[in-house]
Amino acid sequence: MYATSIPATVTNLTLCVSGLSPRDMAAVAQQVPDLLHLHIDAWPSHLGSHTARIPELFPKLRSLKLRQDHVPEKDFLRLQQLQDLECLEILDRGHWSDLYKKLQTLTRNRLRVVTSSPQRDAFHCPCVSQVY
C-alpha cells in the first residue's frame, strides 16, 4: 500500500488515484494525522458518498481540493464539520452554486468556496473515459 510510504510529517498532499477507496483514505489519514492541505482527484472514478468521511479522517484540514461530481448533497454538506477548513476548491464543472452558498451559510461564511477556472480538461471528455 502506497500510504505507508508517505512520511508522517507531510502537511500538504495530492492524491491522484483512480478508484480511491474508503480503505485507502483511512490508511492515508492514519499515516498523516496532521495533514492541513489535501487535493484529491480520483478521476475517472469519483469519491461520491465517501466525501462525507473526509471530516472524520482529516479533521485538521485548512484547504481541500476535490471533484464534486457524483457527490450527494448531504455528503457534500458534511464538509462543514471541518472546523479549520478555510478554502474548498471544486475542480470540476459543478453547477451547484446554491449548494456552495448553503455550505458557506452552514459555516457562517468562514469557508471560501472556489471553483476552478473552466479549462479544457482532456480527461473530462466522455470519449476519453470510455477508453478506460
Protein backbone atom coordinates (compact mmCIF):
# COMPACT_ATOMS: atom_id res chain seq x y z
CA MET A 1 0.00 0.00 0.00
CA TYR A 2 1.38 3.39 -1.01
CA ALA A 3 0.13 5.11 2.15
CA THR A 4 2.93 3.65 4.25
CA SER A 5 5.49 5.37 2.02
CA ILE A 6 4.13 8.82 2.91
CA PRO A 7 6.17 10.48 5.69
CA ALA A 8 4.09 11.22 8.80
CA THR A 9 5.33 14.83 8.75
CA VAL A 10 3.60 15.63 5.45
CA THR A 11 1.12 18.51 5.77
CA ASN A 12 0.33 19.03 2.06
CA LEU A 13 -0.73 16.04 -0.04
CA THR A 14 -2.08 15.45 -3.54
CA LEU A 15 -3.76 12.11 -4.19
CA CYS A 16 -4.41 11.40 -7.86
CA VAL A 17 -5.52 7.81 -7.51
CA SER A 18 -8.16 6.24 -9.71
CA GLY A 19 -10.57 4.22 -7.63
CA LEU A 20 -9.54 5.69 -4.28
CA SER A 21 -11.39 3.55 -1.74
CA PRO A 22 -12.52 4.37 1.80
CA ARG A 23 -9.88 1.91 3.00
CA ASP A 24 -7.19 3.81 1.07
CA MET A 25 -8.38 7.12 2.53
CA ALA A 26 -8.33 5.68 6.06
CA ALA A 27 -4.79 4.36 5.57
CA VAL A 28 -3.58 7.74 4.33
CA ALA A 29 -5.33 9.53 7.20
CA GLN A 30 -3.64 7.27 9.73
CA GLN A 31 -0.26 7.88 8.12
CA VAL A 32 -0.54 11.71 8.05
CA PRO A 33 -2.53 12.76 11.14
CA ASP A 34 -1.52 16.43 10.88
CA LEU A 35 -2.47 16.92 7.24
CA LEU A 36 -3.51 20.52 6.54
CA HIS A 37 -3.89 20.69 2.76
CA LEU A 38 -5.41 17.90 0.68
CA HIS A 39 -6.02 17.63 -3.05
CA ILE A 40 -7.98 14.51 -4.01
CA ASP A 41 -8.53 13.70 -7.64
CA ALA A 42 -9.88 10.19 -8.06
CA TRP A 43 -10.82 10.67 -11.72
CA PRO A 44 -12.11 8.81 -13.73
CA SER A 45 -13.78 7.33 -10.69
CA HIS A 46 -15.28 9.61 -8.05
CA LEU A 47 -15.47 9.91 -4.29
CA GLY A 48 -19.25 10.06 -4.21
CA SER A 49 -20.62 9.44 -0.74
CA HIS A 50 -17.09 8.78 0.61
CA THR A 51 -16.69 12.57 0.68
CA ALA A 52 -18.69 12.51 3.92
CA ARG A 53 -15.81 10.71 5.67
CA ILE A 54 -13.26 13.44 4.96
CA PRO A 55 -14.02 15.44 8.15
CA GLU A 56 -13.65 12.31 10.26
CA LEU A 57 -10.43 11.20 8.58
CA PHE A 58 -8.71 14.56 8.09
CA PRO A 59 -10.09 16.84 10.84
CA LYS A 60 -7.27 19.41 10.69
CA LEU A 61 -7.63 20.36 7.02
CA ARG A 62 -7.34 24.03 6.16
CA SER A 63 -7.72 23.58 2.41
CA LEU A 64 -9.33 20.90 0.30
CA LYS A 65 -9.47 20.41 -3.46
CA LEU A 66 -11.78 17.81 -4.96
CA ARG A 67 -14.19 16.98 -7.74
CA GLN A 68 -17.78 17.44 -6.69
CA ASP A 69 -19.48 15.45 -9.46
CA HIS A 70 -21.41 12.44 -8.14
CA VAL A 71 -21.25 13.62 -4.52
CA PRO A 72 -24.71 13.57 -2.93
CA GLU A 73 -25.75 16.90 -1.42
CA LYS A 74 -25.96 15.58 2.15
CA ASP A 75 -22.44 14.16 1.90
CA PHE A 76 -21.05 17.36 0.39
CA LEU A 77 -22.59 19.41 3.19
CA ARG A 78 -20.83 17.26 5.80
CA LEU A 79 -17.67 19.14 4.87
CA GLN A 80 -19.00 21.86 7.20
CA GLN A 81 -17.68 19.70 10.04
CA LEU A 82 -14.11 20.62 9.10
CA GLN A 83 -13.74 23.36 11.71
CA ASP A 84 -10.40 24.66 10.41
CA LEU A 85 -11.25 24.49 6.71
CA GLU A 86 -10.74 27.89 5.10
CA CYS A 87 -10.81 27.10 1.39
CA LEU A 88 -12.63 24.47 -0.63
CA GLU A 89 -11.71 24.31 -4.31
CA ILE A 90 -14.04 22.49 -6.67
CA LEU A 91 -12.07 21.00 -9.56
CA ASP A 92 -14.85 20.09 -11.95
CA ARG A 93 -17.63 21.96 -13.63
CA GLY A 94 -20.08 21.88 -10.79
CA HIS A 95 -23.31 23.76 -11.40
CA TRP A 96 -24.18 23.83 -7.76
CA SER A 97 -23.82 27.48 -6.79
CA ASP A 98 -26.84 27.16 -4.47
CA LEU A 99 -25.19 24.21 -2.77
CA TYR A 100 -21.94 26.14 -2.33
CA LYS A 101 -23.88 29.04 -0.82
CA LYS A 102 -25.62 26.64 1.53
CA LEU A 103 -22.26 25.27 2.67
CA GLN A 104 -20.95 28.79 3.21
CA THR A 105 -24.04 29.62 5.26
CA LEU A 106 -23.62 26.49 7.37
CA THR A 107 -20.04 27.56 8.13
CA ARG A 108 -21.14 31.13 8.87
CA ASN A 109 -19.15 32.30 5.84
CA ARG A 110 -15.91 31.02 7.38
CA LEU A 111 -15.38 28.82 4.33
CA ARG A 112 -14.43 30.19 0.94
CA VAL A 113 -15.64 28.00 -1.93
CA VAL A 114 -13.71 28.43 -5.15
CA THR A 115 -14.44 26.83 -8.48
CA SER A 116 -11.55 26.19 -10.82
CA SER A 117 -11.46 28.19 -13.99
CA PRO A 118 -13.12 26.27 -16.78
CA GLN A 119 -10.03 24.99 -18.54
CA ARG A 120 -10.36 22.27 -21.07
CA ASP A 121 -9.62 19.03 -19.26
CA ALA A 122 -8.97 16.21 -21.72
CA PHE A 123 -9.77 13.68 -19.02
CA HIS A 124 -13.21 15.19 -18.50
CA CYS A 125 -14.27 14.31 -22.04
CA PRO A 126 -16.70 11.34 -22.16
CA CYS A 127 -14.83 9.92 -25.14
CA VAL A 128 -11.68 9.53 -23.03
CA SER A 129 -13.48 7.91 -20.11
CA GLN A 130 -14.83 5.24 -22.46
CA VAL A 131 -11.30 4.16 -23.28
CA TYR A 132 -10.56 3.19 -19.68
